Amino acid sequence: MKITYLPVIWILSVLLTLPMAWAVEPSNEPILLSAGGIIVTEPDFRQELLLLPADEQAQTLAEPDKLKALLRRIYLGKRLVMEAEKLGLDKIPLIQARVVAVQRQTLTEALREYSLEQIESKSPDFTALAREHYAVRRDEFQLPERFKVAHILKKVQCECERDTQRQQIDQLLARLKAGEDFATLAKAESQDTGSAAKGGDLGDWLKPDELVAPFAEVMMTLNPGQLSGVVETEFGFHIIKLLDRQPARLQPFEEVQASLEQRLRQTYAQDQLRKQAAGYLPGPDAKYDDAALEAILREHAAAQPSSPAPASKAP
């Protein structure tokens, strides 16, 4: 029986989150919505409300239309599950396995969240650990020299373009030397569409090893505000303007403290979770029922279609 035409995941989630009684039954709980023999009680509503973010919870409780919309959604979920049960889908082994898998995943996540809370409540002093890490591994916090740079590019996509593009970049360099504004000229003439709109500015602070070698080598010789001559790279011809440079420096502890503490906290939590998970695995006393396993393997092998006999060769 194929079941892919039904919203299986939706049904599975509803099976785990809604009560398993669909018909109207005597109850002391307030019935917020009833139709077609299906009821939505206040506990159903409160349970579904827990699944919403805090802001949506507040909106739902403040606006009658949103409240009714949530009740209709709960009702629809119950109705879908009822229809699935009428079709006997809840008796299909694959569906039963999926329901168990969703429940297992939900509880596993709940255990993980609980464990993280417990780990956090007993965690060490990460500020002290961060200071120790910083003192021992100062190289991690050594920033290389960085540059802010802009350029104008004339692309050379084939040898046939080379002379023309060289003439154009030479003309642009002459105009810059005559006093034209670099950013204005870059917007109008640069063929690097990513930076042209920003006046040729390449954006973030860049390290030399993030740029092609000829470009980086010339850039490193410039002072802020200075223009290069024409520089050729694999992309074409450039005119480079150095906007600013930041010398190599050691980041002070205060600058890296927050991110370092967060990194150490995450590493510690993951290590603790791994240790905890290892404790849940079967131990040295684990025993397998070899006879039962062998029976499963034999059953599977017997169910496989036999291979056809090889065709005999003609004499």
C-alpha atoms as a PDB file:
ATOM      1  CA  MET A   1       0.000   0.000   0.000  1.00  0.00           C
ATOM      2  CA  LYS A   2       1.428   3.376  -0.999  1.00  0.00           C
ATOM      3  CA  ILE A   3       0.964   6.212   1.484  1.00  0.00           C
ATOM      4  CA  THR A   4       2.990   8.998  -0.034  1.00  0.00           C
ATOM      5  CA  TYR A   5      -0.121  10.874  -1.147  1.00  0.00           C
ATOM      6  CA  LEU A   6      -1.076  11.744   2.451  1.00  0.00           C
ATOM      7  CA  PRO A   7       0.495  14.457   4.649  1.00  0.00           C
ATOM      8  CA  VAL A   8       2.305  11.841   6.686  1.00  0.00           C
ATOM      9  CA  ILE A   9       4.647  14.120   8.644  1.00  0.00           C
ATOM     10  CA  TRP A  10       1.748  16.383   9.617  1.00  0.00           C
ATOM     11  CA  ILE A  11      -0.259  13.407  10.815  1.00  0.00           C
ATOM     12  CA  LEU A  12       2.724  12.064  12.758  1.00  0.00           C
ATOM     13  CA  SER A  13       3.260  15.376  14.513  1.00  0.00           C
ATOM     14  CA  VAL A  14      -0.417  15.642  15.393  1.00  0.00           C
ATOM     15  CA  LEU A  15      -0.449  12.097  16.724  1.00  0.00           C
ATOM     16  CA  LEU A  16       2.222  13.083  19.215  1.00  0.00           C
ATOM     17  CA  THR A  17       0.792  16.433  20.271  1.00  0.00           C
ATOM     18  CA  LEU A  18      -2.961  15.906  20.454  1.00  0.00           C
ATOM     19  CA  PRO A  19      -5.026  13.732  22.808  1.00  0.00           C
ATOM     20  CA  MET A  20      -6.084  10.424  21.312  1.00  0.00           C
ATOM     21  CA  ALA A  21      -9.839  10.924  21.863  1.00  0.00           C
ATOM     22  CA  TRP A  22     -11.593  12.511  18.907  1.00  0.00           C
ATOM     23  CA  ALA A  23     -15.311  12.084  19.588  1.00  0.00           C
ATOM     24  CA  VAL A  24     -17.229  14.195  22.078  1.00  0.00           C
ATOM     25  CA  GLU A  25     -17.071  12.508  25.457  1.00  0.00           C
ATOM     26  CA  PRO A  26     -18.291  13.639  28.876  1.00  0.00           C
ATOM     27  CA  SER A  27     -15.586  15.834  30.344  1.00  0.00           C
ATOM     28  CA  ASN A  28     -15.193  18.428  33.035  1.00  0.00           C
ATOM     29  CA  GLU A  29     -12.790  20.381  30.806  1.00  0.00           C
ATOM     30  CA  PRO A  30     -14.205  23.406  28.936  1.00  0.00           C
ATOM     31  CA  ILE A  31     -14.931  22.579  25.287  1.00  0.00           C
ATOM     32  CA  LEU A  32     -13.726  25.528  23.214  1.00  0.00           C
ATOM     33  CA  LEU A  33     -14.788  24.166  19.811  1.00  0.00           C
ATOM     34  CA  SER A  34     -16.905  21.218  18.738  1.00  0.00           C
ATOM     35  CA  ALA A  35     -18.079  20.136  15.297  1.00  0.00           C
ATOM     36  CA  GLY A  36     -18.806  16.853  13.566  1.00  0.00           C
ATOM     37  CA  GLY A  37     -18.192  14.820  16.708  1.00  0.00           C
ATOM     38  CA  ILE A  38     -14.732  16.314  17.279  1.00  0.00           C
ATOM     39  CA  ILE A  39     -13.943  18.509  20.267  1.00  0.00           C
ATOM     40  CA  VAL A  40     -11.164  20.910  21.129  1.00  0.00           C
ATOM     41  CA  THR A  41     -10.823  21.355  24.868  1.00  0.00           C
ATOM     42  CA  GLU A  42      -9.006  23.992  26.853  1.00  0.00           C
ATOM     43  CA  PRO A  43      -6.158  21.539  27.665  1.00  0.00           C
ATOM     44  CA  ASP A  44      -5.803  20.913  23.889  1.00  0.00           C
ATOM     45  CA  PHE A  45      -5.536  24.671  23.378  1.00  0.00           C
ATOM     46  CA  ARG A  46      -3.062  25.185  26.232  1.00  0.00           C
ATOM     47  CA  GLN A  47      -0.888  22.366  24.920  1.00  0.00           C
ATOM     48  CA  GLU A  48      -0.799  23.790  21.398  1.00  0.00           C
ATOM     49  CA  LEU A  49      -0.113  27.263  22.764  1.00  0.00           C
ATOM     50  CA  LEU A  50       3.123  25.992  24.308  1.00  0.00           C
ATOM     51  CA  LEU A  51       4.473  25.286  20.819  1.00  0.00           C
ATOM     52  CA  LEU A  52       4.206  28.934  19.754  1.00  0.00           C
ATOM     53  CA  PRO A  53       6.900  31.595  20.256  1.00  0.00           C
ATOM     54  CA  ALA A  54       6.209  33.946  23.152  1.00  0.00           C
ATOM     55  CA  ASP A  55       5.140  36.854  20.924  1.00  0.00           C
ATOM     56  CA  GLU A  56       2.662  34.661  19.024  1.00  0.00           C
ATOM     57  CA  GLN A  57       1.283  33.348  22.310  1.00  0.00           C
ATOM     58  CA  ALA A  58       0.645  36.901  23.455  1.00  0.00           C
ATOM     59  CA  GLN A  59      -1.041  37.850  20.168  1.00  0.00           C
ATOM     60  CA  THR A  60      -3.222  34.743  20.213  1.00  0.00           C
ATOM     61  CA  LEU A  61      -4.396  35.455  23.748  1.00  0.00           C
ATOM     62  CA  ALA A  62      -5.061  39.122  22.922  1.00  0.00           C
ATOM     63  CA  GLU A  63      -6.942  38.774  19.619  1.00  0.00           C
ATOM     64  CA  PRO A  64     -10.164  36.716  19.306  1.00  0.00           C
ATOM     65  CA  ASP A  65      -9.620  36.053  15.586  1.00  0.00           C
ATOM     66  CA  LYS A  66      -6.144  34.597  16.205  1.00  0.00           C
ATOM     67  CA  LEU A  67      -7.511  32.527  19.088  1.00  0.00           C
ATOM     68  CA  LYS A  68     -10.209  31.046  16.863  1.00  0.00           C
ATOM     69  CA  ALA A  69      -7.697  30.437  14.082  1.00  0.00           C
ATOM     70  CA  LEU A  70      -5.558  28.384  16.462  1.00  0.00           C
ATOM     71  CA  LEU A  71      -8.615  26.396  17.579  1.00  0.00           C
ATOM     72  CA  ARG A  72      -9.460  25.664  13.933  1.00  0.00           C
ATOM     73  CA  ARG A  73      -5.900  24.484  13.375  1.00  0.00           C
ATOM     74  CA  ILE A  74      -6.136  22.119  16.344  1.00  0.00           C
ATOM     75  CA  TYR A  75      -9.513  20.897  15.070  1.00  0.00           C
ATOM     76  CA  LEU A  76      -8.060  20.268  11.601  1.00  0.00           C
ATOM     77  CA  GLY A  77      -5.215  18.275  13.107  1.00  0.00           C
ATOM     78  CA  LYS A  78      -7.635  16.089  15.045  1.00  0.00           C
ATOM     79  CA  ARG A  79      -9.778  15.594  11.989  1.00  0.00           C
ATOM     80  CA  LEU A  80      -6.808  14.543   9.873  1.00  0.00           C
ATOM     81  CA  VAL A  81      -5.726  12.006  12.455  1.00  0.00           C
ATOM     82  CA  MET A  82      -9.264  10.655  12.732  1.00  0.00           C
ATOM     83  CA  GLU A  83      -9.411  10.183   8.967  1.00  0.00           C
ATOM     84  CA  ALA A  84      -6.000   8.507   8.972  1.00  0.00           C
ATOM     85  CA  GLU A  85      -7.176   6.089  11.679  1.00  0.00           C
ATOM     86  CA  LYS A  86     -10.363   5.327   9.753  1.00  0.00           C
ATOM     87  CA  LEU A  87      -8.150   4.307   6.829  1.00  0.00           C
ATOM     88  CA  GLY A  88      -6.071   2.136   9.152  1.00  0.00           C
ATOM     89  CA  LEU A  89      -2.916   4.125   8.467  1.00  0.00           C
ATOM     90  CA  ASP A  90      -1.983   4.038  12.130  1.00  0.00           C
ATOM     91  CA  LYS A  91      -1.708   0.233  11.842  1.00  0.00           C
ATOM     92  CA  ILE A  92       0.833   0.330   9.002  1.00  0.00           C
ATOM     93  CA  PRO A  93       4.252  -0.762  10.374  1.00  0.00           C
ATOM     94  CA  LEU A  94       6.107   2.012   8.548  1.00  0.00           C
ATOM     95  CA  ILE A  95       3.781   4.682   9.990  1.00  0.00           C
ATOM     96  CA  GLN A  96       4.100   3.195  13.466  1.00  0.00           C
ATOM     97  CA  ALA A  97       7.877   3.277  13.087  1.00  0.00           C
ATOM     98  CA  ARG A  98       7.747   6.942  12.041  1.00  0.00           C
ATOM     99  CA  VAL A  99       5.570   7.858  15.009  1.00  0.00           C
ATOM    100  CA  VAL A 100       8.074   6.184  17.329  1.00  0.00           C
ATOM    101  CA  ALA A 101      10.969   7.936  15.558  1.00  0.00           C
ATOM    102  CA  VAL A 102       9.358  11.371  15.951  1.00  0.00           C
ATOM    103  CA  GLN A 103       8.695  10.700  19.613  1.00  0.00           C
ATOM    104  CA  ARG A 104      12.251   9.465  20.108  1.00  0.00           C
ATOM    105  CA  GLN A 105      13.683  12.549  18.398  1.00  0.00           C
ATOM    106  CA  THR A 106      11.495  14.876  20.475  1.00  0.00           C
ATOM    107  CA  LEU A 107      12.504  13.263  23.748  1.00  0.00           C
ATOM    108  CA  THR A 108      16.149  13.125  22.697  1.00  0.00           C
ATOM    109  CA  GLU A 109      16.101  16.872  22.031  1.00  0.00           C
ATOM    110  CA  ALA A 110      14.396  17.435  25.368  1.00  0.00           C
ATOM    111  CA  LEU A 111      17.113  15.434  27.117  1.00  0.00           C
ATOM    112  CA  ARG A 112      19.803  17.402  25.295  1.00  0.00           C
ATOM    113  CA  GLU A 113      18.272  20.726  26.348  1.00  0.00           C
ATOM    114  CA  TYR A 114      17.934  19.518  29.929  1.00  0.00           C
ATOM    115  CA  SER A 115      21.536  18.304  29.939  1.00  0.00           C
ATOM    116  CA  LEU A 116      22.767  21.642  28.580  1.00  0.00           C
ATOM    117  CA  GLU A 117      20.948  23.456  31.382  1.00  0.00           C
ATOM    118  CA  GLN A 118      22.563  21.168  33.949  1.00  0.00           C
ATOM    119  CA  ILE A 119      25.985  21.622  32.363  1.00  0.00           C
ATOM    120  CA  GLU A 120      25.559  25.395  32.348  1.00  0.00           C
ATOM    121  CA  SER A 121      24.549  25.437  36.006  1.00  0.00           C
ATOM    122  CA  LYS A 122      27.750  23.593  36.974  1.00  0.00           C
ATOM    123  CA  SER A 123      30.108  25.146  34.474  1.00  0.00           C
ATOM    124  CA  PRO A 124      33.551  26.489  35.398  1.00  0.00           C
ATOM    125  CA  ASP A 125      34.613  30.131  35.473  1.00  0.00           C
ATOM    126  CA  PHE A 126      34.927  30.857  31.760  1.00  0.00           C
ATOM    127  CA  THR A 127      36.394  34.292  32.334  1.00  0.00           C
ATOM    128  CA  ALA A 128      39.338  32.737  34.169  1.00  0.00           C
ATOM    129  CA  LEU A 129      39.646  30.039  31.486  1.00  0.00           C
ATOM    130  CA  ALA A 130      39.560  32.684  28.767  1.00  0.00           C
ATOM    131  CA  ARG A 131      42.378  34.645  30.425  1.00  0.00           C
ATOM    132  CA  GLU A 132      44.440  31.468  30.722  1.00  0.00           C
ATOM    133  CA  HIS A 133      43.785  30.560  27.077  1.00  0.00           C
ATOM    134  CA  TYR A 134      44.714  34.081  25.960  1.00  0.00           C
ATOM    135  CA  ALA A 135      47.950  34.027  27.945  1.00  0.00           C
ATOM    136  CA  VAL A 136      49.046  30.654  26.565  1.00  0.00           C
ATOM    137  CA  ARG A 137      47.892  31.054  22.950  1.00  0.00           C
ATOM    138  CA  ARG A 138      48.540  34.681  22.137  1.00  0.00           C
ATOM    139  CA  ASP A 139      49.375  33.817  18.522  1.00  0.00           C
ATOM    140  CA  GLU A 140      45.681  33.141  17.921  1.00  0.00           C
ATOM    141  CA  PHE A 141      44.941  36.798  18.566  1.00  0.00           C
ATOM    142  CA  GLN A 142      47.688  38.287  16.431  1.00  0.00           C
ATOM    143  CA  LEU A 143      46.066  40.160  13.550  1.00  0.00           C
ATOM    144  CA  PRO A 144      48.103  40.562  10.353  1.00  0.00           C
ATOM    145  CA  GLU A 145      48.401  43.864   8.543  1.00  0.00           C
ATOM    146  CA  ARG A 146      45.100  44.686   6.847  1.00  0.00           C
ATOM    147  CA  PHE A 147      44.071  47.090   4.129  1.00  0.00           C
ATOM    148  CA  LYS A 148      41.047  48.968   2.859  1.00  0.00           C
ATOM    149  CA  VAL A 149      41.409  49.388  -0.861  1.00  0.00           C
ATOM    150  CA  ALA A 150      39.534  50.491  -3.955  1.00  0.00           C
ATOM    151  CA  HIS A 151      40.268  49.835  -7.619  1.00  0.00           C
ATOM    152  CA  ILE A 152      39.182  50.469 -11.166  1.00  0.00           C
ATOM    153  CA  LEU A 153      39.267  47.411 -13.414  1.00  0.00           C
ATOM    154  CA  LYS A 154      39.337  46.997 -17.163  1.00  0.00           C
ATOM    155  CA  LYS A 155      38.874  43.308 -17.903  1.00  0.00           C
ATOM    156  CA  VAL A 156      40.949  41.418 -20.434  1.00  0.00           C
ATOM    157  CA  GLN A 157      39.012  38.348 -21.487  1.00  0.00           C
ATOM    158  CA  CYS A 158      41.058  37.517 -24.561  1.00  0.00           C
ATOM    159  CA  GLU A 159      44.340  38.621 -26.109  1.00  0.00           C
ATOM    160  CA  CYS A 160      42.380  40.509 -28.753  1.00  0.00           C
ATOM    161  CA  GLU A 161      41.159  42.943 -26.064  1.00  0.00           C
ATOM    162  CA  ARG A 162      44.518  43.547 -24.467  1.00  0.00           C
ATOM    163  CA  ASP A 163      45.698  46.621 -26.384  1.00  0.00           C
ATOM    164  CA  THR A 164      42.308  48.342 -26.290  1.00  0.00           C
ATOM    165  CA  GLN A 165      41.842  47.793 -22.553  1.00  0.00           C
ATOM    166  CA  ARG A 166      45.386  48.926 -21.846  1.00  0.00           C
ATOM    167  CA  GLN A 167      44.768  52.170 -23.712  1.00  0.00           C
ATOM    168  CA  GLN A 168      41.555  52.745 -21.769  1.00  0.00           C
ATOM    169  CA  ILE A 169      43.147  52.142 -18.351  1.00  0.00           C
ATOM    170  CA  ASP A 170      46.046  54.442 -19.276  1.00  0.00           C
ATOM    171  CA  GLN A 171      43.553  57.162 -20.170  1.00  0.00           C
ATOM    172  CA  LEU A 172      41.744  56.692 -16.844  1.00  0.00           C
ATOM    173  CA  LEU A 173      45.029  56.936 -14.938  1.00  0.00           C
ATOM    174  CA  ALA A 174      45.815  60.192 -16.744  1.00  0.00           C
ATOM    175  CA  ARG A 175      42.408  61.595 -15.796  1.00  0.00           C
ATOM    176  CA  LEU A 176      42.973  60.667 -12.156  1.00  0.00           C
ATOM    177  CA  LYS A 177      46.362  62.314 -12.144  1.00  0.00           C
ATOM    178  CA  ALA A 178      44.690  65.397 -13.618  1.00  0.00           C
ATOM    179  CA  GLY A 179      42.481  65.578 -10.538  1.00  0.00           C
ATOM    180  CA  GLU A 180      39.280  63.665 -11.340  1.00  0.00           C
ATOM    181  CA  ASP A 181      37.559  61.955  -8.407  1.00  0.00           C
ATOM    182  CA  PHE A 182      38.465  58.280  -8.063  1.00  0.00           C
ATOM    183  CA  ALA A 183      35.067  57.097  -6.744  1.00  0.00           C
ATOM    184  CA  THR A 184      33.149  58.927  -9.465  1.00  0.00           C
ATOM    185  CA  LEU A 185      35.390  57.516 -12.185  1.00  0.00           C
ATOM    186  CA  ALA A 186      35.179  54.000 -10.727  1.00  0.00           C
ATOM    187  CA  LYS A 187      31.372  54.117 -10.755  1.00  0.00           C
ATOM    188  CA  ALA A 188      31.370  55.169 -14.397  1.00  0.00           C
ATOM    189  CA  GLU A 189      34.248  53.134 -15.828  1.00  0.00           C
ATOM    190  CA  SER A 190      35.179  50.119 -13.689  1.00  0.00           C
ATOM    191  CA  GLN A 191      34.183  46.723 -15.030  1.00  0.00           C
ATOM    192  CA  ASP A 192      34.213  45.159 -11.580  1.00  0.00           C
ATOM    193  CA  THR A 193      30.465  45.396 -11.119  1.00  0.00           C
ATOM    194  CA  GLY A 194      30.659  44.332  -7.477  1.00  0.00           C
ATOM    195  CA  SER A 195      32.771  47.288  -6.388  1.00  0.00           C
ATOM    196  CA  ALA A 196      32.001  49.882  -9.074  1.00  0.00           C
ATOM    197  CA  ALA A 197      28.722  50.915  -7.438  1.00  0.00           C
ATOM    198  CA  LYS A 198      30.676  51.636  -4.242  1.00  0.00           C
ATOM    199  CA  GLY A 199      33.231  53.822  -5.981  1.00  0.00           C
ATOM    200  CA  GLY A 200      35.607  50.903  -6.426  1.00  0.00           C
ATOM    201  CA  ASP A 201      35.718  50.127  -2.688  1.00  0.00           C
ATOM    202  CA  LEU A 202      36.352  46.407  -2.094  1.00  0.00           C
ATOM    203  CA  GLY A 203      34.648  46.640   1.284  1.00  0.00           C
ATOM    204  CA  ASP A 204      35.989  44.898   4.364  1.00  0.00           C
ATOM    205  CA  TRP A 205      39.497  45.007   5.725  1.00  0.00           C
ATOM    206  CA  LEU A 206      41.544  42.699   3.529  1.00  0.00           C
ATOM    207  CA  LYS A 207      44.695  40.687   4.122  1.00  0.00           C
ATOM    208  CA  PRO A 208      47.248  40.453   1.313  1.00  0.00           C
ATOM    209  CA  ASP A 209      46.787  36.698   0.977  1.00  0.00           C
ATOM    210  CA  GLU A 210      43.113  37.289   0.140  1.00  0.00           C
ATOM    211  CA  LEU A 211      44.087  39.073  -3.071  1.00  0.00           C
ATOM    212  CA  VAL A 212      45.884  37.976  -6.235  1.00  0.00           C
ATOM    213  CA  ALA A 213      49.639  38.388  -5.864  1.00  0.00           C
ATOM    214  CA  PRO A 214      50.395  41.271  -8.279  1.00  0.00           C
ATOM    215  CA  PHE A 215      47.530  43.330  -6.842  1.00  0.00           C
ATOM    216  CA  ALA A 216      48.568  42.649  -3.223  1.00  0.00           C
ATOM    217  CA  GLU A 217      52.233  43.368  -3.857  1.00  0.00           C
ATOM    218  CA  VAL A 218      51.525  46.829  -5.255  1.00  0.00           C
ATOM    219  CA  MET A 219      48.856  47.595  -2.670  1.00  0.00           C
ATOM    220  CA  MET A 220      51.316  46.973   0.173  1.00  0.00           C
ATOM    221  CA  THR A 221      53.693  49.650  -1.212  1.00  0.00           C
ATOM    222  CA  LEU A 222      51.060  52.406  -1.124  1.00  0.00           C
ATOM    223  CA  ASN A 223      50.257  54.936   1.562  1.00  0.00           C
ATOM    224  CA  PRO A 224      46.646  55.830   2.399  1.00  0.00           C
ATOM    225  CA  GLY A 225      45.223  58.026  -0.343  1.00  0.00           C
ATOM    226  CA  GLN A 226      47.938  57.094  -2.833  1.00  0.00           C
ATOM    227  CA  LEU A 227      47.251  55.784  -6.350  1.00  0.00           C
ATOM    228  CA  SER A 228      49.145  53.000  -8.065  1.00  0.00           C
ATOM    229  CA  GLY A 229      50.178  52.864 -11.673  1.00  0.00           C
ATOM    230  CA  VAL A 230      48.553  50.308 -13.969  1.00  0.00           C
ATOM    231  CA  VAL A 231      48.686  46.819 -12.436  1.00  0.00           C
ATOM    232  CA  GLU A 232      48.091  43.706 -14.534  1.00  0.00           C
ATOM    233  CA  THR A 233      46.572  40.546 -13.047  1.00  0.00           C
ATOM    234  CA  GLU A 234      44.776  37.527 -14.427  1.00  0.00           C
ATOM    235  CA  PHE A 235      41.578  39.617 -14.399  1.00  0.00           C
ATOM    236  CA  GLY A 236      42.862  42.490 -16.467  1.00  0.00           C
ATOM    237  CA  PHE A 237      44.259  45.968 -15.758  1.00  0.00           C
ATOM    238  CA  HIS A 238      43.753  47.760 -12.439  1.00  0.00           C
ATOM    239  CA  ILE A 239      44.339  51.153 -10.910  1.00  0.00           C
ATOM    240  CA  ILE A 240      44.555  50.771  -7.135  1.00  0.00           C
ATOM    241  CA  LYS A 241      43.840  53.370  -4.487  1.00  0.00           C
ATOM    242  CA  LEU A 242      44.756  52.580  -0.889  1.00  0.00           C
ATOM    243  CA  LEU A 243      42.053  53.929   1.407  1.00  0.00           C
ATOM    244  CA  ASP A 244      43.521  52.898   4.756  1.00  0.00           C
ATOM    245  CA  ARG A 245      45.860  50.391   6.337  1.00  0.00           C
ATOM    246  CA  GLN A 246      45.920  48.814   9.767  1.00  0.00           C
ATOM    247  CA  PRO A 247      49.277  47.566  11.059  1.00  0.00           C
ATOM    248  CA  ALA A 248      49.696  44.071  12.432  1.00  0.00           C
ATOM    249  CA  ARG A 249      48.710  44.012  16.077  1.00  0.00           C
ATOM    250  CA  LEU A 250      47.894  41.815  19.029  1.00  0.00           C
ATOM    251  CA  GLN A 251      44.231  42.058  19.952  1.00  0.00           C
ATOM    252  CA  PRO A 252      43.894  43.000  23.632  1.00  0.00           C
ATOM    253  CA  PHE A 253      42.088  40.549  25.876  1.00  0.00           C
ATOM    254  CA  GLU A 254      39.134  42.905  26.321  1.00  0.00           C
ATOM    255  CA  GLU A 255      38.544  42.896  22.570  1.00  0.00           C
ATOM    256  CA  VAL A 256      38.328  39.115  22.309  1.00  0.00           C
ATOM    257  CA  GLN A 257      36.977  38.229  25.745  1.00  0.00           C
ATOM    258  CA  ALA A 258      33.304  37.864  24.827  1.00  0.00           C
ATOM    259  CA  SER A 259      33.873  35.722  21.729  1.00  0.00           C
ATOM    260  CA  LEU A 260      36.557  33.658  23.446  1.00  0.00           C
ATOM    261  CA  GLU A 261      34.361  32.922  26.453  1.00  0.00           C
ATOM    262  CA  GLN A 262      31.522  31.935  24.127  1.00  0.00           C
ATOM    263  CA  ARG A 263      33.821  29.609  22.175  1.00  0.00           C
ATOM    264  CA  LEU A 264      35.123  27.986  25.350  1.00  0.00           C
ATOM    265  CA  ARG A 265      31.592  27.634  26.706  1.00  0.00           C
ATOM    266  CA  GLN A 266      30.410  25.907  23.531  1.00  0.00           C
ATOM    267  CA  THR A 267      33.447  23.607  23.439  1.00  0.00           C
ATOM    268  CA  TYR A 268      32.961  22.676  27.087  1.00  0.00           C
ATOM    269  CA  ALA A 269      29.257  21.945  26.588  1.00  0.00           C
ATOM    270  CA  GLN A 270      29.901  19.792  23.517  1.00  0.00           C
ATOM    271  CA  ASP A 271      32.627  17.844  25.336  1.00  0.00           C
ATOM    272  CA  GLN A 272      30.307  17.207  28.267  1.00  0.00           C
ATOM    273  CA  LEU A 273      27.498  16.100  25.959  1.00  0.00           C
ATOM    274  CA  ARG A 274      29.841  13.695  24.142  1.00  0.00           C
ATOM    275  CA  LYS A 275      30.957  12.185  27.454  1.00  0.00           C
ATOM    276  CA  GLN A 276      27.343  11.842  28.535  1.00  0.00           C
ATOM    277  CA  ALA A 277      26.344  10.234  25.229  1.00  0.00           C
ATOM    278  CA  ALA A 278      29.219   7.765  25.491  1.00  0.00           C
ATOM    279  CA  GLY A 279      27.810   6.687  28.839  1.00  0.00           C
ATOM    280  CA  TYR A 280      24.498   5.794  27.204  1.00  0.00           C
ATOM    281  CA  LEU A 281      26.093   3.376  24.726  1.00  0.00           C
ATOM    282  CA  PRO A 282      26.115  -0.362  25.456  1.00  0.00           C
ATOM    283  CA  GLY A 283      28.858  -1.216  27.937  1.00  0.00           C
ATOM    284  CA  PRO A 284      31.257  -4.159  28.180  1.00  0.00           C
ATOM    285  CA  ASP A 285      28.441  -6.316  29.565  1.00  0.00           C
ATOM    286  CA  ALA A 286      26.385  -5.960  26.364  1.00  0.00           C
ATOM    287  CA  LYS A 287      25.195  -9.293  24.963  1.00  0.00           C
ATOM    288  CA  TYR A 288      23.788  -9.994  21.528  1.00  0.00           C
ATOM    289  CA  ASP A 289      21.406 -12.855  20.777  1.00  0.00           C
ATOM    290  CA  ASP A 290      23.473 -14.340  17.974  1.00  0.00           C
ATOM    291  CA  ALA A 291      20.860 -16.963  17.159  1.00  0.00           C
ATOM    292  CA  ALA A 292      18.146 -14.322  16.724  1.00  0.00           C
ATOM    293  CA  LEU A 293      20.450 -12.161  14.615  1.00  0.00           C
ATOM    294  CA  GLU A 294      21.319 -15.118  12.423  1.00  0.00           C
ATOM    295  CA  ALA A 295      17.620 -15.859  11.963  1.00  0.00           C
ATOM    296  CA  ILE A 296      17.008 -12.268  10.803  1.00  0.00           C
ATOM    297  CA  LEU A 297      19.858 -12.535   8.303  1.00  0.00           C
ATOM    298  CA  ARG A 298      18.580 -15.860   6.974  1.00  0.00           C
ATOM    299  CA  GLU A 299      15.056 -14.485   6.631  1.00  0.00           C
ATOM    300  CA  HIS A 300      16.346 -11.511   4.676  1.00  0.00           C
ATOM    301  CA  ALA A 301      18.498 -13.692   2.419  1.00  0.00           C
ATOM    302  CA  ALA A 302      15.584 -16.042   1.713  1.00  0.00           C
ATOM    303  CA  ALA A 303      13.376 -13.085   0.720  1.00  0.00           C
ATOM    304  CA  GLN A 304      15.837 -11.883  -1.946  1.00  0.00           C
ATOM    305  CA  PRO A 305      15.022 -12.809  -5.547  1.00  0.00           C
ATOM    306  CA  SER A 306      17.285 -15.539  -6.807  1.00  0.00           C
ATOM    307  CA  SER A 307      19.795 -14.575  -9.474  1.00  0.00           C
ATOM    308  CA  PRO A 308      18.964 -15.897 -12.961  1.00  0.00           C
ATOM    309  CA  ALA A 309      21.132 -18.717 -14.224  1.00  0.00           C
ATOM    310  CA  PRO A 310      23.804 -17.578 -16.698  1.00  0.00           C
ATOM    311  CA  ALA A 311      22.876 -18.114 -20.324  1.00  0.00           C
ATOM    312  CA  SER A 312      24.624 -21.080 -21.888  1.00  0.00           C
ATOM    313  CA  LYS A 313      27.008 -20.383 -24.716  1.00  0.00           C
ATOM    314  CA  ALA A 314      26.006 -21.510 -28.179  1.00  0.00           C
ATOM    315  CA  PRO A 315      28.032 -24.483 -29.428  1.00  0.00           C
END
